[in-house]
Amino acid sequence: MGRAFEYRKAAKMKRWGQMSRIFPKLAKAITVAAKEGSPDPDMNPRLRTAIQNAKAQNMPKKNIEAAIERASGKDAVDYTLINYEGKGPHGVLCFVECATDNPTRTVANVKSYFNKAGGSGLVSNGSLEFMFSRKAVFEFKKAEGMDLEELELELIDAGLTEIEEIEPEADDEEGVTMIFAYAEYTDFGTLSEGLEGLKIEVDSANLKRFPTSPVEYTDAQLEDIEKMLDRFDDDDDIQAVYTNIA
């Protein structure tokens, strides 16, 4: 009884910890999208996607509405989107995407994370751009009877470049097969509309960066890199970090 209680308590604390880290990032993405376009999701595909991503992480409706309000209300926040590039421990390449209301604070934090991890620090913006390719990535559950070949044909005109099926792990209690659809980043909007037209409910949609020359690292090296990535993950100003880890 005591062990079961402790297990449930630990699991609950872990969920709270994850939510405390991811909800502020999701809220910023919603605010930025609402500020750059219409606060009406029906008129703003980017905002619609940001809300979709938040709902997939079980973000409460009131949090989503508050994030939209921060884009135009009396307490409106002006976020700057800025990227930083750098080299972490063992030469790992990092592309850091941020949304911040205080760039001075953010760049100081990013520098400190590289330094504390023993990395060589920031490099000039654009130096690592060619080391990553940017793609639109849509993730959704495979519906019963869904034919991937047929789906691929239907989405090619919408910009689809690749479709991938991922079977659930053996210990996955939900046992859901996930589908990943890829497109060039410039075709994000058209593929999103294509999926909407097919009535496919997307769990997440993002623009992601993939290393063009992935590098294998040892377990010991990965442990050092993970410690640095954890610091990035804990910073609300940092929306995403991409590396060249294979």
C-alpha atoms as a PDB file:
ATOM      1  CA  MET A   1       0.000   0.000   0.000  1.00  0.00           C
ATOM      2  CA  GLY A   2       2.762   2.414   1.016  1.00  0.00           C
ATOM      3  CA  ARG A   3       4.874   1.610  -2.044  1.00  0.00           C
ATOM      4  CA  ALA A   4       1.896   2.003  -4.373  1.00  0.00           C
ATOM      5  CA  PHE A   5       1.108   5.372  -2.817  1.00  0.00           C
ATOM      6  CA  GLU A   6       4.699   6.527  -3.196  1.00  0.00           C
ATOM      7  CA  TYR A   7       4.740   5.367  -6.831  1.00  0.00           C
ATOM      8  CA  ARG A   8       1.543   7.286  -7.624  1.00  0.00           C
ATOM      9  CA  LYS A   9       2.878  10.323  -5.784  1.00  0.00           C
ATOM     10  CA  ALA A  10       6.172  10.202  -7.730  1.00  0.00           C
ATOM     11  CA  ALA A  11       4.327   9.818 -11.031  1.00  0.00           C
ATOM     12  CA  LYS A  12       2.085  12.762 -10.167  1.00  0.00           C
ATOM     13  CA  MET A  13       5.072  14.936  -9.220  1.00  0.00           C
ATOM     14  CA  LYS A  14       6.765  13.985 -12.504  1.00  0.00           C
ATOM     15  CA  ARG A  15       3.673  15.059 -14.484  1.00  0.00           C
ATOM     16  CA  TRP A  16       3.532  18.347 -12.564  1.00  0.00           C
ATOM     17  CA  GLY A  17       7.221  18.905 -13.286  1.00  0.00           C
ATOM     18  CA  GLN A  18       6.710  18.309 -16.990  1.00  0.00           C
ATOM     19  CA  MET A  19       3.691  20.620 -17.089  1.00  0.00           C
ATOM     20  CA  SER A  20       5.528  23.373 -15.216  1.00  0.00           C
ATOM     21  CA  ARG A  21       8.203  23.306 -17.919  1.00  0.00           C
ATOM     22  CA  ILE A  22       6.131  22.851 -21.054  1.00  0.00           C
ATOM     23  CA  PHE A  23       3.054  24.996 -20.341  1.00  0.00           C
ATOM     24  CA  PRO A  24       4.953  28.332 -20.299  1.00  0.00           C
ATOM     25  CA  LYS A  25       6.593  27.444 -23.628  1.00  0.00           C
ATOM     26  CA  LEU A  26       3.250  26.484 -25.179  1.00  0.00           C
ATOM     27  CA  ALA A  27       1.662  29.672 -23.841  1.00  0.00           C
ATOM     28  CA  LYS A  28       4.396  31.798 -25.418  1.00  0.00           C
ATOM     29  CA  ALA A  29       3.913  30.073 -28.765  1.00  0.00           C
ATOM     30  CA  ILE A  30       0.182  30.881 -28.582  1.00  0.00           C
ATOM     31  CA  THR A  31       0.804  34.512 -27.609  1.00  0.00           C
ATOM     32  CA  VAL A  32       3.350  35.035 -30.394  1.00  0.00           C
ATOM     33  CA  ALA A  33       1.028  33.480 -32.977  1.00  0.00           C
ATOM     34  CA  ALA A  34      -1.934  35.583 -31.823  1.00  0.00           C
ATOM     35  CA  LYS A  35       0.151  38.756 -31.831  1.00  0.00           C
ATOM     36  CA  GLU A  36       1.553  38.208 -35.327  1.00  0.00           C
ATOM     37  CA  GLY A  37      -1.865  37.373 -36.803  1.00  0.00           C
ATOM     38  CA  SER A  38      -5.495  37.364 -35.786  1.00  0.00           C
ATOM     39  CA  PRO A  39      -6.504  36.323 -32.230  1.00  0.00           C
ATOM     40  CA  ASP A  40      -9.214  34.250 -33.937  1.00  0.00           C
ATOM     41  CA  PRO A  41      -7.908  30.694 -34.558  1.00  0.00           C
ATOM     42  CA  ASP A  42     -10.251  30.295 -37.532  1.00  0.00           C
ATOM     43  CA  MET A  43      -8.478  33.204 -39.232  1.00  0.00           C
ATOM     44  CA  ASN A  44      -4.959  32.336 -38.066  1.00  0.00           C
ATOM     45  CA  PRO A  45      -3.540  28.905 -39.049  1.00  0.00           C
ATOM     46  CA  ARG A  46      -0.412  29.390 -36.944  1.00  0.00           C
ATOM     47  CA  LEU A  47      -2.489  30.161 -33.843  1.00  0.00           C
ATOM     48  CA  ARG A  48      -4.734  27.202 -34.597  1.00  0.00           C
ATOM     49  CA  THR A  49      -1.668  24.967 -34.693  1.00  0.00           C
ATOM     50  CA  ALA A  50      -0.270  26.403 -31.451  1.00  0.00           C
ATOM     51  CA  ILE A  51      -3.582  25.768 -29.692  1.00  0.00           C
ATOM     52  CA  GLN A  52      -3.674  22.254 -31.141  1.00  0.00           C
ATOM     53  CA  ASN A  53      -0.216  21.538 -29.730  1.00  0.00           C
ATOM     54  CA  ALA A  54      -1.253  22.894 -26.322  1.00  0.00           C
ATOM     55  CA  LYS A  55      -4.381  20.751 -26.216  1.00  0.00           C
ATOM     56  CA  ALA A  56      -2.317  17.688 -27.112  1.00  0.00           C
ATOM     57  CA  GLN A  57      -0.332  18.337 -23.911  1.00  0.00           C
ATOM     58  CA  ASN A  58      -3.552  18.707 -21.889  1.00  0.00           C
ATOM     59  CA  MET A  59      -3.077  22.410 -21.328  1.00  0.00           C
ATOM     60  CA  PRO A  60      -6.247  23.794 -19.640  1.00  0.00           C
ATOM     61  CA  LYS A  61      -8.602  25.922 -21.726  1.00  0.00           C
ATOM     62  CA  LYS A  62      -8.248  28.875 -19.333  1.00  0.00           C
ATOM     63  CA  ASN A  63      -4.467  28.864 -19.850  1.00  0.00           C
ATOM     64  CA  ILE A  64      -4.929  28.899 -23.618  1.00  0.00           C
ATOM     65  CA  GLU A  65      -7.406  31.784 -23.435  1.00  0.00           C
ATOM     66  CA  ALA A  66      -5.078  33.722 -21.120  1.00  0.00           C
ATOM     67  CA  ALA A  67      -2.191  33.254 -23.569  1.00  0.00           C
ATOM     68  CA  ILE A  68      -4.309  34.671 -26.418  1.00  0.00           C
ATOM     69  CA  GLU A  69      -5.367  37.598 -24.228  1.00  0.00           C
ATOM     70  CA  ARG A  70      -1.727  38.434 -23.485  1.00  0.00           C
ATOM     71  CA  ALA A  71      -1.244  39.189 -27.176  1.00  0.00           C
ATOM     72  CA  SER A  72      -3.616  42.146 -27.257  1.00  0.00           C
ATOM     73  CA  GLY A  73      -5.016  42.845 -23.776  1.00  0.00           C
ATOM     74  CA  LYS A  74      -4.004  45.537 -21.341  1.00  0.00           C
ATOM     75  CA  ASP A  75      -1.214  43.303 -20.067  1.00  0.00           C
ATOM     76  CA  ALA A  76       0.046  42.496 -23.576  1.00  0.00           C
ATOM     77  CA  VAL A  77       3.592  41.131 -23.707  1.00  0.00           C
ATOM     78  CA  ASP A  78       5.942  41.847 -26.603  1.00  0.00           C
ATOM     79  CA  TYR A  79       8.029  38.755 -27.305  1.00  0.00           C
ATOM     80  CA  THR A  80      11.074  38.741 -29.573  1.00  0.00           C
ATOM     81  CA  LEU A  81      11.816  35.604 -31.567  1.00  0.00           C
ATOM     82  CA  ILE A  82      15.545  35.045 -31.679  1.00  0.00           C
ATOM     83  CA  ASN A  83      17.885  32.133 -32.413  1.00  0.00           C
ATOM     84  CA  TYR A  84      21.301  31.354 -30.969  1.00  0.00           C
ATOM     85  CA  GLU A  85      23.863  28.899 -32.284  1.00  0.00           C
ATOM     86  CA  GLY A  86      26.651  27.334 -30.290  1.00  0.00           C
ATOM     87  CA  LYS A  87      28.891  24.404 -29.472  1.00  0.00           C
ATOM     88  CA  GLY A  88      28.368  22.414 -26.305  1.00  0.00           C
ATOM     89  CA  PRO A  89      30.484  19.757 -24.601  1.00  0.00           C
ATOM     90  CA  HIS A  90      32.343  17.346 -26.902  1.00  0.00           C
ATOM     91  CA  GLY A  91      31.714  19.698 -29.816  1.00  0.00           C
ATOM     92  CA  VAL A  92      27.970  19.008 -30.054  1.00  0.00           C
ATOM     93  CA  LEU A  93      26.288  21.579 -32.300  1.00  0.00           C
ATOM     94  CA  CYS A  94      23.221  23.339 -30.918  1.00  0.00           C
ATOM     95  CA  PHE A  95      20.570  25.499 -32.557  1.00  0.00           C
ATOM     96  CA  VAL A  96      18.543  27.288 -29.874  1.00  0.00           C
ATOM     97  CA  GLU A  97      15.169  28.897 -30.656  1.00  0.00           C
ATOM     98  CA  CYS A  98      13.870  31.471 -28.167  1.00  0.00           C
ATOM     99  CA  ALA A  99      10.842  33.667 -27.516  1.00  0.00           C
ATOM    100  CA  THR A 100      11.688  36.335 -24.955  1.00  0.00           C
ATOM    101  CA  ASP A 101      10.607  39.679 -23.551  1.00  0.00           C
ATOM    102  CA  ASN A 102      14.186  40.332 -22.432  1.00  0.00           C
ATOM    103  CA  PRO A 103      16.870  39.336 -24.992  1.00  0.00           C
ATOM    104  CA  THR A 104      19.669  40.556 -22.705  1.00  0.00           C
ATOM    105  CA  ARG A 105      18.611  38.103 -20.017  1.00  0.00           C
ATOM    106  CA  THR A 106      18.123  35.286 -22.492  1.00  0.00           C
ATOM    107  CA  VAL A 107      21.500  35.558 -24.235  1.00  0.00           C
ATOM    108  CA  ALA A 108      23.254  35.724 -20.857  1.00  0.00           C
ATOM    109  CA  ASN A 109      21.476  32.546 -19.763  1.00  0.00           C
ATOM    110  CA  VAL A 110      22.237  30.728 -23.007  1.00  0.00           C
ATOM    111  CA  LYS A 111      25.919  31.639 -22.731  1.00  0.00           C
ATOM    112  CA  SER A 112      26.026  30.391 -19.135  1.00  0.00           C
ATOM    113  CA  TYR A 113      24.467  27.031 -20.068  1.00  0.00           C
ATOM    114  CA  PHE A 114      27.159  26.439 -22.682  1.00  0.00           C
ATOM    115  CA  ASN A 115      29.925  27.553 -20.318  1.00  0.00           C
ATOM    116  CA  LYS A 116      28.745  25.485 -17.333  1.00  0.00           C
ATOM    117  CA  ALA A 117      28.649  22.399 -19.551  1.00  0.00           C
ATOM    118  CA  GLY A 118      32.220  22.953 -20.745  1.00  0.00           C
ATOM    119  CA  GLY A 119      31.231  23.934 -24.271  1.00  0.00           C
ATOM    120  CA  SER A 120      33.005  26.513 -26.403  1.00  0.00           C
ATOM    121  CA  GLY A 121      29.897  28.741 -26.373  1.00  0.00           C
ATOM    122  CA  LEU A 122      28.058  30.818 -28.926  1.00  0.00           C
ATOM    123  CA  VAL A 123      29.109  31.171 -32.545  1.00  0.00           C
ATOM    124  CA  SER A 124      28.030  33.810 -35.057  1.00  0.00           C
ATOM    125  CA  ASN A 125      24.409  33.480 -36.123  1.00  0.00           C
ATOM    126  CA  GLY A 126      24.215  31.690 -39.453  1.00  0.00           C
ATOM    127  CA  SER A 127      27.374  29.656 -38.832  1.00  0.00           C
ATOM    128  CA  LEU A 128      25.440  26.446 -38.199  1.00  0.00           C
ATOM    129  CA  GLU A 129      22.420  27.127 -40.398  1.00  0.00           C
ATOM    130  CA  PHE A 130      23.691  24.809 -43.149  1.00  0.00           C
ATOM    131  CA  MET A 131      24.221  22.009 -40.602  1.00  0.00           C
ATOM    132  CA  PHE A 132      20.465  21.662 -40.122  1.00  0.00           C
ATOM    133  CA  SER A 133      17.569  21.221 -42.526  1.00  0.00           C
ATOM    134  CA  ARG A 134      14.222  22.666 -41.519  1.00  0.00           C
ATOM    135  CA  LYS A 135      11.058  20.640 -42.040  1.00  0.00           C
ATOM    136  CA  ALA A 136       7.378  20.767 -41.191  1.00  0.00           C
ATOM    137  CA  VAL A 137       6.419  17.788 -39.032  1.00  0.00           C
ATOM    138  CA  PHE A 138       2.853  16.678 -38.310  1.00  0.00           C
ATOM    139  CA  GLU A 139       2.074  13.894 -35.856  1.00  0.00           C
ATOM    140  CA  PHE A 140      -1.247  12.087 -35.592  1.00  0.00           C
ATOM    141  CA  LYS A 141      -2.715   8.745 -34.548  1.00  0.00           C
ATOM    142  CA  LYS A 142      -3.285   6.082 -37.172  1.00  0.00           C
ATOM    143  CA  ALA A 143      -7.022   5.616 -37.585  1.00  0.00           C
ATOM    144  CA  GLU A 144      -8.556   2.203 -38.102  1.00  0.00           C
ATOM    145  CA  GLY A 145      -8.456   1.281 -41.780  1.00  0.00           C
ATOM    146  CA  MET A 146      -6.097   4.113 -42.714  1.00  0.00           C
ATOM    147  CA  ASP A 147      -4.093   3.264 -45.846  1.00  0.00           C
ATOM    148  CA  LEU A 148      -0.707   5.017 -45.812  1.00  0.00           C
ATOM    149  CA  GLU A 149      -0.084   4.655 -49.537  1.00  0.00           C
ATOM    150  CA  GLU A 150      -3.464   6.177 -50.337  1.00  0.00           C
ATOM    151  CA  LEU A 151      -2.915   8.930 -47.777  1.00  0.00           C
ATOM    152  CA  GLU A 152       0.493   9.711 -49.267  1.00  0.00           C
ATOM    153  CA  LEU A 153      -1.008  10.115 -52.733  1.00  0.00           C
ATOM    154  CA  GLU A 154      -3.719  12.417 -51.402  1.00  0.00           C
ATOM    155  CA  LEU A 155      -1.194  14.650 -49.623  1.00  0.00           C
ATOM    156  CA  ILE A 156       1.557  14.922 -52.247  1.00  0.00           C
ATOM    157  CA  ASP A 157      -0.081  17.970 -53.820  1.00  0.00           C
ATOM    158  CA  ALA A 158      -0.205  19.529 -50.336  1.00  0.00           C
ATOM    159  CA  GLY A 159       3.591  19.344 -50.081  1.00  0.00           C
ATOM    160  CA  LEU A 160       4.081  15.968 -48.393  1.00  0.00           C
ATOM    161  CA  THR A 161       7.643  14.693 -48.887  1.00  0.00           C
ATOM    162  CA  GLU A 162       7.670  11.702 -46.535  1.00  0.00           C
ATOM    163  CA  ILE A 163       5.310   9.742 -44.322  1.00  0.00           C
ATOM    164  CA  GLU A 164       6.394   7.437 -41.509  1.00  0.00           C
ATOM    165  CA  GLU A 165       4.569   4.922 -39.324  1.00  0.00           C
ATOM    166  CA  ILE A 166       5.834   4.309 -35.784  1.00  0.00           C
ATOM    167  CA  GLU A 167       4.552   1.246 -33.960  1.00  0.00           C
ATOM    168  CA  PRO A 168       4.047   1.511 -30.185  1.00  0.00           C
ATOM    169  CA  GLU A 169       6.684   0.166 -27.819  1.00  0.00           C
ATOM    170  CA  ALA A 170       5.970  -3.190 -26.184  1.00  0.00           C
ATOM    171  CA  ASP A 171       5.443  -1.528 -22.788  1.00  0.00           C
ATOM    172  CA  ASP A 172       3.247   1.266 -24.184  1.00  0.00           C
ATOM    173  CA  GLU A 173      -0.059   0.950 -22.331  1.00  0.00           C
ATOM    174  CA  GLU A 174      -1.991   2.966 -24.930  1.00  0.00           C
ATOM    175  CA  GLY A 175      -0.654   0.893 -27.824  1.00  0.00           C
ATOM    176  CA  VAL A 176      -1.289   3.609 -30.410  1.00  0.00           C
ATOM    177  CA  THR A 177       0.446   3.637 -33.793  1.00  0.00           C
ATOM    178  CA  MET A 178       1.577   7.147 -34.685  1.00  0.00           C
ATOM    179  CA  ILE A 179       1.985   8.655 -38.137  1.00  0.00           C
ATOM    180  CA  PHE A 180       4.566  11.345 -38.908  1.00  0.00           C
ATOM    181  CA  ALA A 181       4.052  13.433 -42.055  1.00  0.00           C
ATOM    182  CA  TYR A 182       6.916  15.629 -43.330  1.00  0.00           C
ATOM    183  CA  ALA A 183       7.112  18.568 -45.721  1.00  0.00           C
ATOM    184  CA  GLU A 184       9.501  21.397 -46.542  1.00  0.00           C
ATOM    185  CA  TYR A 185       9.104  24.169 -43.968  1.00  0.00           C
ATOM    186  CA  THR A 186       7.691  26.484 -46.649  1.00  0.00           C
ATOM    187  CA  ASP A 187       4.827  24.003 -47.173  1.00  0.00           C
ATOM    188  CA  PHE A 188       3.760  23.969 -43.519  1.00  0.00           C
ATOM    189  CA  GLY A 189       0.502  25.817 -44.256  1.00  0.00           C
ATOM    190  CA  THR A 190      -0.487  23.777 -47.305  1.00  0.00           C
ATOM    191  CA  LEU A 191       0.115  20.424 -45.612  1.00  0.00           C
ATOM    192  CA  SER A 192      -1.793  21.620 -42.544  1.00  0.00           C
ATOM    193  CA  GLU A 193      -4.733  22.534 -44.752  1.00  0.00           C
ATOM    194  CA  GLY A 194      -4.453  19.211 -46.575  1.00  0.00           C
ATOM    195  CA  LEU A 195      -4.711  17.268 -43.327  1.00  0.00           C
ATOM    196  CA  GLU A 196      -7.618  19.425 -42.187  1.00  0.00           C
ATOM    197  CA  GLY A 197      -9.364  18.747 -45.496  1.00  0.00           C
ATOM    198  CA  LEU A 198      -9.087  15.008 -44.855  1.00  0.00           C
ATOM    199  CA  LYS A 199     -10.551  15.484 -41.349  1.00  0.00           C
ATOM    200  CA  ILE A 200      -7.349  14.193 -39.743  1.00  0.00           C
ATOM    201  CA  GLU A 201      -6.941  15.372 -36.162  1.00  0.00           C
ATOM    202  CA  VAL A 202      -3.302  16.337 -35.687  1.00  0.00           C
ATOM    203  CA  ASP A 203      -1.733  15.804 -32.250  1.00  0.00           C
ATOM    204  CA  SER A 204       1.187  18.137 -32.880  1.00  0.00           C
ATOM    205  CA  ALA A 205       2.517  20.277 -35.718  1.00  0.00           C
ATOM    206  CA  ASN A 206       5.887  21.974 -35.662  1.00  0.00           C
ATOM    207  CA  LEU A 207       8.754  23.330 -37.706  1.00  0.00           C
ATOM    208  CA  LYS A 208      11.754  21.263 -36.668  1.00  0.00           C
ATOM    209  CA  ARG A 209      15.446  21.217 -37.547  1.00  0.00           C
ATOM    210  CA  PHE A 210      17.251  17.986 -38.429  1.00  0.00           C
ATOM    211  CA  PRO A 211      21.046  17.595 -38.536  1.00  0.00           C
ATOM    212  CA  THR A 212      22.441  17.139 -42.043  1.00  0.00           C
ATOM    213  CA  SER A 213      25.507  15.298 -40.693  1.00  0.00           C
ATOM    214  CA  PRO A 214      24.498  13.484 -37.474  1.00  0.00           C
ATOM    215  CA  VAL A 215      27.289  12.505 -35.098  1.00  0.00           C
ATOM    216  CA  GLU A 216      27.514   9.452 -32.825  1.00  0.00           C
ATOM    217  CA  TYR A 217      28.499  10.173 -29.208  1.00  0.00           C
ATOM    218  CA  THR A 218      29.501   7.779 -26.445  1.00  0.00           C
ATOM    219  CA  ASP A 219      27.238   7.207 -23.445  1.00  0.00           C
ATOM    220  CA  ALA A 220      29.594   9.229 -21.254  1.00  0.00           C
ATOM    221  CA  GLN A 221      29.579  12.111 -23.723  1.00  0.00           C
ATOM    222  CA  LEU A 222      25.798  11.977 -24.029  1.00  0.00           C
ATOM    223  CA  GLU A 223      25.507  12.224 -20.251  1.00  0.00           C
ATOM    224  CA  ASP A 224      27.417  15.536 -20.299  1.00  0.00           C
ATOM    225  CA  ILE A 225      25.329  16.805 -23.212  1.00  0.00           C
ATOM    226  CA  GLU A 226      22.056  15.826 -21.513  1.00  0.00           C
ATOM    227  CA  LYS A 227      22.969  17.856 -18.430  1.00  0.00           C
ATOM    228  CA  MET A 228      23.345  20.930 -20.641  1.00  0.00           C
ATOM    229  CA  LEU A 229      20.095  20.208 -22.490  1.00  0.00           C
ATOM    230  CA  ASP A 230      18.271  19.912 -19.160  1.00  0.00           C
ATOM    231  CA  ARG A 231      19.334  23.483 -18.325  1.00  0.00           C
ATOM    232  CA  PHE A 232      17.992  24.676 -21.665  1.00  0.00           C
ATOM    233  CA  ASP A 233      14.760  22.764 -21.077  1.00  0.00           C
ATOM    234  CA  ASP A 234      14.210  24.444 -17.705  1.00  0.00           C
ATOM    235  CA  ASP A 235      14.419  27.955 -19.222  1.00  0.00           C
ATOM    236  CA  ASP A 236      10.999  29.373 -20.167  1.00  0.00           C
ATOM    237  CA  ASP A 237      12.573  31.657 -22.787  1.00  0.00           C
ATOM    238  CA  ILE A 238      13.870  28.684 -24.778  1.00  0.00           C
ATOM    239  CA  GLN A 239      11.274  27.131 -27.055  1.00  0.00           C
ATOM    240  CA  ALA A 240      13.387  24.384 -28.637  1.00  0.00           C
ATOM    241  CA  VAL A 241      16.955  23.133 -28.915  1.00  0.00           C
ATOM    242  CA  TYR A 242      18.212  21.060 -31.854  1.00  0.00           C
ATOM    243  CA  THR A 243      21.507  19.181 -31.892  1.00  0.00           C
ATOM    244  CA  ASN A 244      23.553  17.113 -34.334  1.00  0.00           C
ATOM    245  CA  ILE A 245      23.267  13.981 -32.169  1.00  0.00           C
ATOM    246  CA  ALA A 246      22.630  10.918 -34.354  1.00  0.00           C
END
